N, C-alpha and C. Protein backbone atom coordinates (compact mmCIF):
# COMPACT_ATOMS: atom_id res chain seq x y z
N VAL A 1 0.83 -1.19 0.00
CA VAL A 1 0.00 0.00 0.00
C VAL A 1 0.87 1.25 0.00
N GLN A 2 1.91 1.24 0.86
CA GLN A 2 2.78 2.42 0.92
C GLN A 2 3.44 2.67 -0.43
N HIS A 3 3.87 1.60 -1.10
CA HIS A 3 4.50 1.75 -2.41
C HIS A 3 3.52 2.38 -3.41
N ALA A 4 2.27 1.93 -3.38
CA ALA A 4 1.26 2.47 -4.28
C ALA A 4 1.01 3.95 -4.00
N LEU A 5 0.98 4.32 -2.73
CA LEU A 5 0.78 5.73 -2.37
C LEU A 5 1.95 6.59 -2.83
N LEU A 6 3.16 6.09 -2.61
CA LEU A 6 4.34 6.85 -3.04
C LEU A 6 4.38 7.00 -4.56
N LYS A 7 4.01 5.91 -5.26
CA LYS A 7 3.97 5.97 -6.72
C LYS A 7 2.94 6.99 -7.19
N THR A 8 1.77 6.98 -6.57
CA THR A 8 0.71 7.93 -6.92
C THR A 8 1.16 9.36 -6.65
N ARG A 9 1.77 9.58 -5.50
CA ARG A 9 2.26 10.93 -5.17
C ARG A 9 3.33 11.36 -6.16
N GLY A 10 4.20 10.43 -6.54
CA GLY A 10 5.24 10.74 -7.52
C GLY A 10 4.64 11.13 -8.86
N LEU A 11 3.61 10.40 -9.28
CA LEU A 11 2.94 10.72 -10.54
C LEU A 11 2.23 12.07 -10.45
N GLN A 12 1.63 12.35 -9.29
CA GLN A 12 0.98 13.64 -9.11
C GLN A 12 2.01 14.78 -9.19
N GLU A 13 3.17 14.56 -8.60
CA GLU A 13 4.24 15.57 -8.64
C GLU A 13 4.70 15.80 -10.07
N ILE A 14 4.88 14.72 -10.82
CA ILE A 14 5.29 14.85 -12.22
C ILE A 14 4.21 15.59 -13.00
N ASP A 15 2.95 15.22 -12.78
CA ASP A 15 1.84 15.86 -13.47
C ASP A 15 1.80 17.36 -13.16
N ARG A 16 1.99 17.71 -11.89
CA ARG A 16 1.98 19.12 -11.50
C ARG A 16 3.14 19.86 -12.15
N ASN A 17 4.32 19.26 -12.16
CA ASN A 17 5.48 19.91 -12.78
C ASN A 17 5.28 20.10 -14.28
N LEU A 18 4.69 19.11 -14.94
CA LEU A 18 4.42 19.25 -16.37
C LEU A 18 3.41 20.36 -16.62
N GLY A 19 2.42 20.47 -15.75
CA GLY A 19 1.43 21.54 -15.89
C GLY A 19 2.06 22.91 -15.76
N VAL A 20 2.92 23.07 -14.78
CA VAL A 20 3.62 24.35 -14.58
C VAL A 20 4.52 24.65 -15.77
N THR A 21 5.25 23.63 -16.23
CA THR A 21 6.14 23.82 -17.37
C THR A 21 5.36 24.21 -18.61
N GLY A 22 4.23 23.56 -18.83
CA GLY A 22 3.39 23.89 -19.98
C GLY A 22 2.85 25.31 -19.90
N ALA A 23 2.42 25.72 -18.74
CA ALA A 23 1.91 27.08 -18.56
C ALA A 23 3.01 28.11 -18.81
N MET A 24 4.20 27.81 -18.30
CA MET A 24 5.32 28.74 -18.51
C MET A 24 5.68 28.84 -19.98
N ALA A 25 5.63 27.73 -20.70
CA ALA A 25 5.93 27.74 -22.13
C ALA A 25 4.90 28.57 -22.88
N ALA A 26 3.64 28.43 -22.52
CA ALA A 26 2.59 29.20 -23.18
C ALA A 26 2.76 30.69 -22.91
N ILE A 27 3.04 31.04 -21.67
CA ILE A 27 3.24 32.44 -21.31
C ILE A 27 4.48 32.99 -21.98
N SER A 28 5.53 32.20 -22.03
CA SER A 28 6.79 32.63 -22.62
C SER A 28 6.60 33.03 -24.08
N GLY A 29 5.87 32.22 -24.84
CA GLY A 29 5.61 32.55 -26.24
C GLY A 29 4.81 33.84 -26.35
N TYR A 30 3.84 34.01 -25.48
CA TYR A 30 3.01 35.21 -25.48
C TYR A 30 3.84 36.43 -25.12
N VAL A 31 4.72 36.30 -24.15
CA VAL A 31 5.57 37.41 -23.73
C VAL A 31 6.51 37.81 -24.85
N ARG A 32 7.09 36.82 -25.54
CA ARG A 32 7.98 37.14 -26.67
C ARG A 32 7.23 37.90 -27.74
N GLU A 33 5.98 37.50 -27.98
CA GLU A 33 5.16 38.19 -28.98
C GLU A 33 4.93 39.64 -28.57
N LEU A 34 4.65 39.86 -27.29
CA LEU A 34 4.45 41.23 -26.80
C LEU A 34 5.74 42.04 -26.87
N GLU A 35 6.87 41.41 -26.58
CA GLU A 35 8.15 42.11 -26.67
C GLU A 35 8.44 42.52 -28.10
N ALA A 36 8.17 41.63 -29.05
CA ALA A 36 8.39 41.95 -30.46
C ALA A 36 7.49 43.11 -30.89
N GLU A 37 6.25 43.09 -30.43
CA GLU A 37 5.31 44.16 -30.75
C GLU A 37 5.80 45.49 -30.15
N ALA A 38 6.29 45.44 -28.93
CA ALA A 38 6.80 46.65 -28.28
C ALA A 38 8.04 47.18 -29.01
N ASP A 39 8.91 46.27 -29.44
CA ASP A 39 10.10 46.69 -30.19
C ASP A 39 9.71 47.38 -31.49
N LEU A 40 8.74 46.81 -32.20
CA LEU A 40 8.29 47.40 -33.46
C LEU A 40 7.68 48.78 -33.22
N LEU A 41 6.86 48.90 -32.20
CA LEU A 41 6.26 50.19 -31.86
C LEU A 41 7.35 51.20 -31.51
N GLY A 42 8.36 50.77 -30.78
CA GLY A 42 9.46 51.66 -30.43
C GLY A 42 10.18 52.17 -31.66
N ILE A 43 10.40 51.29 -32.63
CA ILE A 43 11.06 51.71 -33.87
C ILE A 43 10.18 52.68 -34.65
N GLU A 44 8.87 52.42 -34.67
CA GLU A 44 7.94 53.33 -35.35
C GLU A 44 7.96 54.71 -34.69
N LEU A 45 7.95 54.74 -33.37
CA LEU A 45 7.99 56.03 -32.65
C LEU A 45 9.32 56.74 -32.88
N MET A 46 10.38 55.97 -32.90
CA MET A 46 11.71 56.52 -33.14
C MET A 46 11.76 57.18 -34.53
N THR A 47 11.20 56.49 -35.53
CA THR A 47 11.17 57.02 -36.89
C THR A 47 10.31 58.28 -36.95
N ALA A 48 9.15 58.25 -36.30
CA ALA A 48 8.26 59.41 -36.29
C ALA A 48 8.92 60.62 -35.63
N ALA A 49 9.82 60.36 -34.68
CA ALA A 49 10.52 61.45 -33.99
C ALA A 49 11.72 61.96 -34.79
N GLY A 50 11.98 61.34 -35.94
CA GLY A 50 13.05 61.82 -36.80
C GLY A 50 14.37 61.09 -36.67
N TYR A 51 14.41 60.03 -35.87
CA TYR A 51 15.63 59.25 -35.74
C TYR A 51 15.74 58.23 -36.87
N ASN A 52 16.94 57.85 -37.21
CA ASN A 52 17.18 56.85 -38.23
C ASN A 52 16.83 55.48 -37.66
N PRO A 53 15.84 54.78 -38.23
CA PRO A 53 15.44 53.49 -37.67
C PRO A 53 16.54 52.43 -37.75
N LYS A 54 17.50 52.61 -38.64
CA LYS A 54 18.61 51.66 -38.75
C LYS A 54 19.49 51.70 -37.50
N GLU A 55 19.42 52.78 -36.76
CA GLU A 55 20.22 52.90 -35.54
C GLU A 55 19.66 52.00 -34.42
N ALA A 56 18.43 51.52 -34.59
CA ALA A 56 17.83 50.64 -33.58
C ALA A 56 18.67 49.38 -33.40
N PHE A 57 19.30 48.92 -34.48
CA PHE A 57 20.17 47.74 -34.38
C PHE A 57 21.24 47.96 -33.32
N PHE A 58 21.86 49.13 -33.33
CA PHE A 58 22.94 49.41 -32.38
C PHE A 58 22.40 49.50 -30.95
N LEU A 59 21.19 50.03 -30.81
CA LEU A 59 20.56 50.09 -29.49
C LEU A 59 20.34 48.68 -28.95
N PHE A 60 19.74 47.81 -29.78
CA PHE A 60 19.47 46.45 -29.33
C PHE A 60 20.77 45.68 -29.08
N ASP A 61 21.77 45.91 -29.90
CA ASP A 61 23.07 45.27 -29.70
C ASP A 61 23.67 45.69 -28.36
N HIS A 62 23.55 46.98 -28.05
CA HIS A 62 24.06 47.49 -26.78
C HIS A 62 23.28 46.88 -25.60
N MET A 63 21.96 46.77 -25.75
CA MET A 63 21.14 46.20 -24.69
C MET A 63 21.52 44.74 -24.43
N ILE A 64 21.74 43.97 -25.50
CA ILE A 64 22.15 42.57 -25.35
C ILE A 64 23.48 42.47 -24.63
N THR A 65 24.42 43.33 -25.01
CA THR A 65 25.73 43.34 -24.36
C THR A 65 25.61 43.62 -22.87
N GLU A 66 24.77 44.59 -22.52
CA GLU A 66 24.58 44.93 -21.10
C GLU A 66 23.93 43.79 -20.33
N ILE A 67 22.95 43.14 -20.93
CA ILE A 67 22.28 42.02 -20.26
C ILE A 67 23.26 40.88 -20.04
N GLU A 68 24.07 40.58 -21.04
CA GLU A 68 25.06 39.51 -20.91
C GLU A 68 26.11 39.86 -19.86
N ARG A 69 26.48 41.11 -19.79
CA ARG A 69 27.49 41.55 -18.82
C ARG A 69 26.96 41.42 -17.39
N GLU A 70 25.68 41.76 -17.20
CA GLU A 70 25.08 41.70 -15.87
C GLU A 70 24.71 40.27 -15.47
N GLY A 71 24.45 39.44 -16.47
CA GLY A 71 23.84 38.20 -16.23
C GLY A 71 24.49 37.02 -15.78
C-alpha cells in the first residue's frame, strides 16, 4: 500500500510539474510576442521622432551586451 501511495504521489508531482512547465511555455511565447510588438512600436515612434530606424540595431546590440554583462 505504501508503495502504491508513493507511486501515486510521484505521478501527481510529475503531473503538477508538467502543468507548470506547460503554462510557462505558453506564457513565454506570449511574452515574446508582446516584446516583439513593443520593439516594433518603439522603432515606429523613433522614426516618427526623426531618428534613423537603422540605428535601432545598435541600441538592441548594446542592450544585449549589457544584459550579458550583468547576467
